[in-house]
Amino acid sequence: MRSFDEYSGLPPHINTHQWAWQKPKRVWVNVLLFIVTIFSTMAAGAGFQGYSWLAMWEEPALIFNGWPYSLAVLLILTTHEFGHYFAAVYHRMN
């Protein structure tokens, strides 16, 4: 088994490229995916309440019965993602 001392001759990783903050190029993709996520979680919530997919297809307004489930899932997901953000800020990551 090799020791880590054998690899001490490797050159260190040097990052000379300065990353500048850039505005996202395709914001519409993020907005579209967020809307799809809202509707898919609302459909799942309506399904948990006993509405079938066929019934939701025939009567799309039934999807809105799943808003409590959608809200709960998206709040949990948002809290989780903010945890990543705050950890990155704490560790001074860009």
C-alpha atoms as a PDB file:
ATOM      1  CA  MET A   1       0.000   0.000   0.000  1.00  0.00           C
ATOM      2  CA  ARG A   2       1.363   3.396  -0.910  1.00  0.00           C
ATOM      3  CA  SER A   3       1.562   6.233   1.534  1.00  0.00           C
ATOM      4  CA  PHE A   4       0.401   9.727   0.815  1.00  0.00           C
ATOM      5  CA  ASP A   5       4.020  10.924   1.009  1.00  0.00           C
ATOM      6  CA  GLU A   6       4.740   9.331  -2.373  1.00  0.00           C
ATOM      7  CA  TYR A   7       2.297  11.739  -4.004  1.00  0.00           C
ATOM      8  CA  SER A   8       3.813  14.886  -2.505  1.00  0.00           C
ATOM      9  CA  GLY A   9       5.662  15.576  -5.743  1.00  0.00           C
ATOM     10  CA  LEU A  10       2.462  16.348  -7.628  1.00  0.00           C
ATOM     11  CA  PRO A  11       1.998  19.999  -8.547  1.00  0.00           C
ATOM     12  CA  PRO A  12      -0.586  21.812  -6.439  1.00  0.00           C
ATOM     13  CA  HIS A  13      -3.841  22.850  -8.022  1.00  0.00           C
ATOM     14  CA  ILE A  14      -3.675  26.550  -8.784  1.00  0.00           C
ATOM     15  CA  ASN A  15      -6.815  28.344  -9.827  1.00  0.00           C
ATOM     16  CA  THR A  16      -5.763  31.475 -11.690  1.00  0.00           C
ATOM     17  CA  HIS A  17      -9.126  32.091 -13.332  1.00  0.00           C
ATOM     18  CA  GLN A  18     -11.254  34.625 -11.505  1.00  0.00           C
ATOM     19  CA  TRP A  19     -14.926  33.742 -11.785  1.00  0.00           C
ATOM     20  CA  ALA A  20     -17.132  36.783 -12.139  1.00  0.00           C
ATOM     21  CA  TRP A  21     -20.818  36.632 -11.351  1.00  0.00           C
ATOM     22  CA  GLN A  22     -22.790  36.371 -14.555  1.00  0.00           C
ATOM     23  CA  LYS A  23     -26.453  36.945 -15.129  1.00  0.00           C
ATOM     24  CA  PRO A  24     -28.245  33.706 -16.071  1.00  0.00           C
ATOM     25  CA  LYS A  25     -28.751  33.517 -19.816  1.00  0.00           C
ATOM     26  CA  ARG A  26     -31.974  31.534 -19.888  1.00  0.00           C
ATOM     27  CA  VAL A  27     -34.159  32.558 -16.964  1.00  0.00           C
ATOM     28  CA  TRP A  28     -37.260  31.292 -18.761  1.00  0.00           C
ATOM     29  CA  VAL A  29     -36.059  27.696 -18.356  1.00  0.00           C
ATOM     30  CA  ASN A  30     -35.930  28.112 -14.577  1.00  0.00           C
ATOM     31  CA  VAL A  31     -39.374  29.734 -14.503  1.00  0.00           C
ATOM     32  CA  LEU A  32     -40.861  27.007 -16.710  1.00  0.00           C
ATOM     33  CA  LEU A  33     -39.405  24.220 -14.563  1.00  0.00           C
ATOM     34  CA  PHE A  34     -40.698  25.908 -11.400  1.00  0.00           C
ATOM     35  CA  ILE A  35     -44.227  26.106 -12.859  1.00  0.00           C
ATOM     36  CA  VAL A  36     -44.058  22.448 -13.934  1.00  0.00           C
ATOM     37  CA  THR A  37     -42.899  21.533 -10.414  1.00  0.00           C
ATOM     38  CA  ILE A  38     -45.836  23.394  -8.864  1.00  0.00           C
ATOM     39  CA  PHE A  39     -48.378  21.672 -11.097  1.00  0.00           C
ATOM     40  CA  SER A  40     -46.816  18.227 -10.713  1.00  0.00           C
ATOM     41  CA  THR A  41     -46.788  18.457  -6.910  1.00  0.00           C
ATOM     42  CA  MET A  42     -50.374  19.739  -6.952  1.00  0.00           C
ATOM     43  CA  ALA A  43     -51.373  16.781  -9.130  1.00  0.00           C
ATOM     44  CA  ALA A  44     -49.612  14.400  -6.734  1.00  0.00           C
ATOM     45  CA  GLY A  45     -51.417  16.018  -3.797  1.00  0.00           C
ATOM     46  CA  ALA A  46     -54.764  15.669  -5.550  1.00  0.00           C
ATOM     47  CA  GLY A  47     -53.906  12.043  -6.261  1.00  0.00           C
ATOM     48  CA  PHE A  48     -53.253  11.468  -2.554  1.00  0.00           C
ATOM     49  CA  GLN A  49     -56.725  12.862  -1.860  1.00  0.00           C
ATOM     50  CA  GLY A  50     -58.274  10.160  -4.010  1.00  0.00           C
ATOM     51  CA  TYR A  51     -58.631  11.822  -7.400  1.00  0.00           C
ATOM     52  CA  SER A  52     -57.488   9.631 -10.272  1.00  0.00           C
ATOM     53  CA  TRP A  53     -55.221  10.847 -13.048  1.00  0.00           C
ATOM     54  CA  LEU A  54     -58.040  10.252 -15.503  1.00  0.00           C
ATOM     55  CA  ALA A  55     -60.390  12.446 -13.473  1.00  0.00           C
ATOM     56  CA  MET A  56     -57.760  15.208 -13.335  1.00  0.00           C
ATOM     57  CA  TRP A  57     -57.244  14.897 -17.089  1.00  0.00           C
ATOM     58  CA  GLU A  58     -60.994  15.278 -17.703  1.00  0.00           C
ATOM     59  CA  GLU A  59     -61.427  18.026 -15.087  1.00  0.00           C
ATOM     60  CA  PRO A  60     -58.126  19.954 -14.755  1.00  0.00           C
ATOM     61  CA  ALA A  61     -59.497  22.101 -11.911  1.00  0.00           C
ATOM     62  CA  LEU A  62     -59.226  19.031  -9.644  1.00  0.00           C
ATOM     63  CA  ILE A  63     -55.462  19.521  -9.638  1.00  0.00           C
ATOM     64  CA  PHE A  64     -55.907  22.601  -7.450  1.00  0.00           C
ATOM     65  CA  ASN A  65     -57.210  20.373  -4.641  1.00  0.00           C
ATOM     66  CA  GLY A  66     -53.603  19.331  -4.102  1.00  0.00           C
ATOM     67  CA  TRP A  67     -52.335  22.785  -3.150  1.00  0.00           C
ATOM     68  CA  PRO A  68     -51.740  21.938   0.559  1.00  0.00           C
ATOM     69  CA  TYR A  69     -49.437  19.053  -0.388  1.00  0.00           C
ATOM     70  CA  SER A  70     -47.691  21.175  -3.008  1.00  0.00           C
ATOM     71  CA  LEU A  71     -47.137  23.997  -0.543  1.00  0.00           C
ATOM     72  CA  ALA A  72     -45.711  21.646   2.089  1.00  0.00           C
ATOM     73  CA  VAL A  73     -43.350  19.907  -0.341  1.00  0.00           C
ATOM     74  CA  LEU A  74     -42.130  23.158  -1.878  1.00  0.00           C
ATOM     75  CA  LEU A  75     -41.543  24.740   1.549  1.00  0.00           C
ATOM     76  CA  ILE A  76     -39.482  21.724   2.600  1.00  0.00           C
ATOM     77  CA  LEU A  77     -37.546  21.831  -0.673  1.00  0.00           C
ATOM     78  CA  THR A  78     -36.958  25.590  -0.373  1.00  0.00           C
ATOM     79  CA  THR A  79     -35.698  25.212   3.202  1.00  0.00           C
ATOM     80  CA  HIS A  80     -33.373  22.418   2.086  1.00  0.00           C
ATOM     81  CA  GLU A  81     -31.960  24.469  -0.790  1.00  0.00           C
ATOM     82  CA  PHE A  82     -31.441  27.523   1.425  1.00  0.00           C
ATOM     83  CA  GLY A  83     -29.405  25.242   3.681  1.00  0.00           C
ATOM     84  CA  HIS A  84     -27.040  24.664   0.757  1.00  0.00           C
ATOM     85  CA  TYR A  85     -26.901  28.408   0.091  1.00  0.00           C
ATOM     86  CA  PHE A  86     -26.169  29.350   3.716  1.00  0.00           C
ATOM     87  CA  ALA A  87     -23.511  26.635   3.975  1.00  0.00           C
ATOM     88  CA  ALA A  88     -21.831  27.998   0.839  1.00  0.00           C
ATOM     89  CA  VAL A  89     -21.925  31.541   2.229  1.00  0.00           C
ATOM     90  CA  TYR A  90     -20.564  30.347   5.583  1.00  0.00           C
ATOM     91  CA  HIS A  91     -17.654  28.573   3.880  1.00  0.00           C
ATOM     92  CA  ARG A  92     -17.084  31.566   1.561  1.00  0.00           C
ATOM     93  CA  MET A  93     -17.749  29.661  -1.647  1.00  0.00           C
ATOM     94  CA  ASN A  94     -18.693  31.458  -4.837  1.00  0.00           C
END
